[in-house]
Amino acid sequence: MVVDFSKSKSPPSPVCISGKNVEIVPFYRFLGVQLDNKLEWSTNTDAVYKKAMNRLYFLRSLRSFSVCSGMLHMFYQSVMASTIFFAVVCWGAGIKAKDTNKLNKLIKKAGSVVGCKLANSDEVDGQDGVKIVDSHGQSLPPPP
């Protein structure tokens, strides 16, 4: 993928690696994160939203079988939240407000299914998502 910050919209010159031309693509999926050539995160947010909506269906199905709220919360944390917040350290600070609202509405829907308030994407950003833990599993304060 070629990322070009110039204001002119002329096509970039071809890039050759080991004598082979590198293909120019509008977006690329790397380790489950969708990167586009404008360094915007809308493509990634749409993919995350679609995956999480599929998992919301299963969460609702579990609720219809009268599964207790503790198990619903565990399902949300292990299946939905892991999908929504995967690699949030990379894209969390760079998404647009409309994408943040889209994810927050999804989390709110999941919260109504589970029956409790869940942490939205504003509360789980790159800093809060990474915690330093000592050998006994106790959270340590962030470094100065």
Protein backbone atom coordinates (compact mmCIF):
# COMPACT_ATOMS: atom_id res chain seq x y z
CA MET A 1 0.00 0.00 0.00
CA VAL A 2 1.26 3.45 -0.87
CA VAL A 3 0.29 6.38 1.37
CA ASP A 4 0.73 9.74 -0.34
CA PHE A 5 0.42 13.01 1.59
CA SER A 6 0.92 15.31 -1.41
CA LYS A 7 -1.87 17.67 -2.46
CA SER A 8 -1.55 16.83 -6.14
CA LYS A 9 -3.63 13.86 -7.22
CA SER A 10 -1.15 12.54 -9.77
CA PRO A 11 -0.72 8.77 -9.68
CA PRO A 12 2.25 7.70 -7.59
CA SER A 13 5.29 6.33 -9.30
CA PRO A 14 5.50 2.53 -9.26
CA VAL A 15 7.40 0.93 -6.40
CA CYS A 16 9.62 -2.05 -7.18
CA ILE A 17 10.82 -4.56 -4.61
CA SER A 18 13.20 -7.27 -5.83
CA GLY A 19 12.32 -6.42 -9.42
CA LYS A 20 8.53 -6.82 -8.93
CA ASN A 21 6.03 -3.96 -8.96
CA VAL A 22 4.04 -3.44 -5.76
CA GLU A 23 0.31 -3.34 -6.41
CA ILE A 24 -1.51 -0.17 -5.33
CA VAL A 25 -4.71 -1.03 -3.45
CA PRO A 26 -7.34 1.20 -1.81
CA PHE A 27 -7.23 -0.76 1.47
CA TYR A 28 -5.31 -3.64 3.01
CA ARG A 29 -6.13 -5.99 5.85
CA PHE A 30 -3.17 -6.60 8.15
CA LEU A 31 -3.49 -8.68 11.33
CA GLY A 32 -7.25 -8.17 11.36
CA VAL A 33 -7.07 -4.38 11.04
CA GLN A 34 -8.19 -2.71 7.82
CA LEU A 35 -5.87 0.08 6.67
CA ASP A 36 -6.81 2.37 3.81
CA ASN A 37 -4.62 4.55 1.62
CA LYS A 38 -5.97 7.77 3.21
CA LEU A 39 -5.15 6.56 6.74
CA GLU A 40 -8.81 6.84 7.77
CA TRP A 41 -10.43 4.20 9.95
CA SER A 42 -13.95 4.11 8.48
CA THR A 43 -13.26 0.87 6.59
CA ASN A 44 -11.99 -0.78 9.76
CA THR A 45 -14.90 0.57 11.83
CA ASP A 46 -17.42 -0.77 9.31
CA ALA A 47 -15.80 -4.21 9.43
CA VAL A 48 -15.73 -4.19 13.26
CA TYR A 49 -19.37 -3.06 13.37
CA LYS A 50 -20.46 -5.81 11.00
CA LYS A 51 -18.69 -8.51 13.04
CA ALA A 52 -20.08 -7.19 16.31
CA MET A 53 -23.64 -7.04 14.91
CA ASN A 54 -23.36 -10.73 14.00
CA ARG A 55 -22.28 -11.50 17.55
CA LEU A 56 -25.09 -9.34 18.97
CA TYR A 57 -27.53 -11.73 17.30
CA PHE A 58 -26.05 -14.61 19.31
CA LEU A 59 -26.18 -12.54 22.51
CA ARG A 60 -29.87 -11.89 21.91
CA SER A 61 -30.42 -15.57 21.19
CA LEU A 62 -28.84 -16.47 24.54
CA ARG A 63 -31.11 -14.00 26.31
CA SER A 64 -34.16 -15.56 24.65
CA PHE A 65 -33.13 -18.89 26.23
CA SER A 66 -33.27 -17.22 29.68
CA VAL A 67 -29.52 -17.38 30.28
CA CYS A 68 -28.54 -15.51 33.47
CA SER A 69 -27.12 -11.99 33.17
CA GLY A 70 -23.71 -13.10 34.49
CA MET A 71 -23.32 -15.53 31.62
CA LEU A 72 -24.57 -12.91 29.14
CA HIS A 73 -21.98 -10.47 30.47
CA MET A 74 -19.27 -13.12 30.17
CA PHE A 75 -20.35 -13.83 26.57
CA TYR A 76 -20.27 -10.11 25.79
CA GLN A 77 -16.77 -9.68 27.25
CA SER A 78 -15.29 -12.75 25.59
CA VAL A 79 -16.99 -12.61 22.19
CA MET A 80 -18.27 -9.10 21.47
CA ALA A 81 -15.91 -6.80 23.38
CA SER A 82 -12.88 -8.67 22.13
CA THR A 83 -14.11 -8.06 18.57
CA ILE A 84 -15.02 -4.40 19.10
CA PHE A 85 -11.87 -3.40 20.97
CA PHE A 86 -9.33 -5.50 19.07
CA ALA A 87 -6.30 -3.29 18.25
CA VAL A 88 -8.01 -0.22 19.74
CA VAL A 89 -4.52 1.03 20.63
CA CYS A 90 -3.93 1.50 16.89
CA TRP A 91 -7.22 3.00 15.73
CA GLY A 92 -8.99 4.26 18.87
CA ALA A 93 -7.70 7.82 18.82
CA GLY A 94 -8.01 8.24 15.04
CA ILE A 95 -11.64 7.38 14.31
CA LYS A 96 -14.22 10.01 13.42
CA ALA A 97 -17.07 11.02 15.73
CA LYS A 98 -19.69 9.31 13.54
CA ASP A 99 -17.77 6.04 13.76
CA THR A 100 -17.41 6.39 17.53
CA ASN A 101 -21.15 7.02 17.83
CA LYS A 102 -21.87 3.98 15.66
CA LEU A 103 -19.82 1.72 17.94
CA ASN A 104 -21.23 3.31 21.10
CA LYS A 105 -24.81 2.67 19.93
CA LEU A 106 -23.91 -0.96 19.32
CA ILE A 107 -22.40 -1.24 22.80
CA LYS A 108 -25.50 0.38 24.28
CA LYS A 109 -27.70 -2.20 22.51
CA ALA A 110 -25.54 -4.98 23.91
CA GLY A 111 -25.81 -3.40 27.36
CA SER A 112 -29.60 -3.47 27.17
CA VAL A 113 -29.46 -7.17 26.26
CA VAL A 114 -27.02 -7.97 29.08
CA GLY A 115 -28.90 -5.79 31.55
CA CYS A 116 -26.07 -3.52 32.71
CA LYS A 117 -24.11 -0.50 31.54
CA LEU A 118 -21.07 -1.50 29.49
CA ALA A 119 -17.91 0.54 28.89
CA ASN A 120 -18.20 2.41 25.59
CA SER A 121 -15.44 3.17 23.14
CA ASP A 122 -14.72 6.54 24.78
CA GLU A 123 -13.99 4.83 28.10
CA VAL A 124 -11.86 2.08 26.57
CA ASP A 125 -9.18 3.83 24.59
CA GLY A 126 -5.54 3.03 24.08
CA GLN A 127 -4.45 4.19 27.54
CA ASP A 128 -7.23 2.53 29.57
CA GLY A 129 -7.16 -0.65 27.52
CA VAL A 130 -3.57 -1.44 28.46
CA LYS A 131 -2.91 -2.05 32.14
CA ILE A 132 0.35 -3.02 33.75
CA VAL A 133 -0.12 -5.98 36.08
CA ASP A 134 2.37 -7.32 38.60
CA SER A 135 3.14 -11.02 39.09
CA HIS A 136 0.20 -11.40 41.52
CA GLY A 137 -2.37 -10.00 39.05
CA GLN A 138 -2.68 -6.63 40.81
CA SER A 139 -2.97 -3.51 38.62
CA LEU A 140 -0.07 -1.11 38.96
CA PRO A 141 -0.32 2.66 38.51
CA PRO A 142 0.78 3.96 35.10
CA PRO A 143 4.39 5.12 34.82
CA PRO A 144 5.00 8.89 35.17
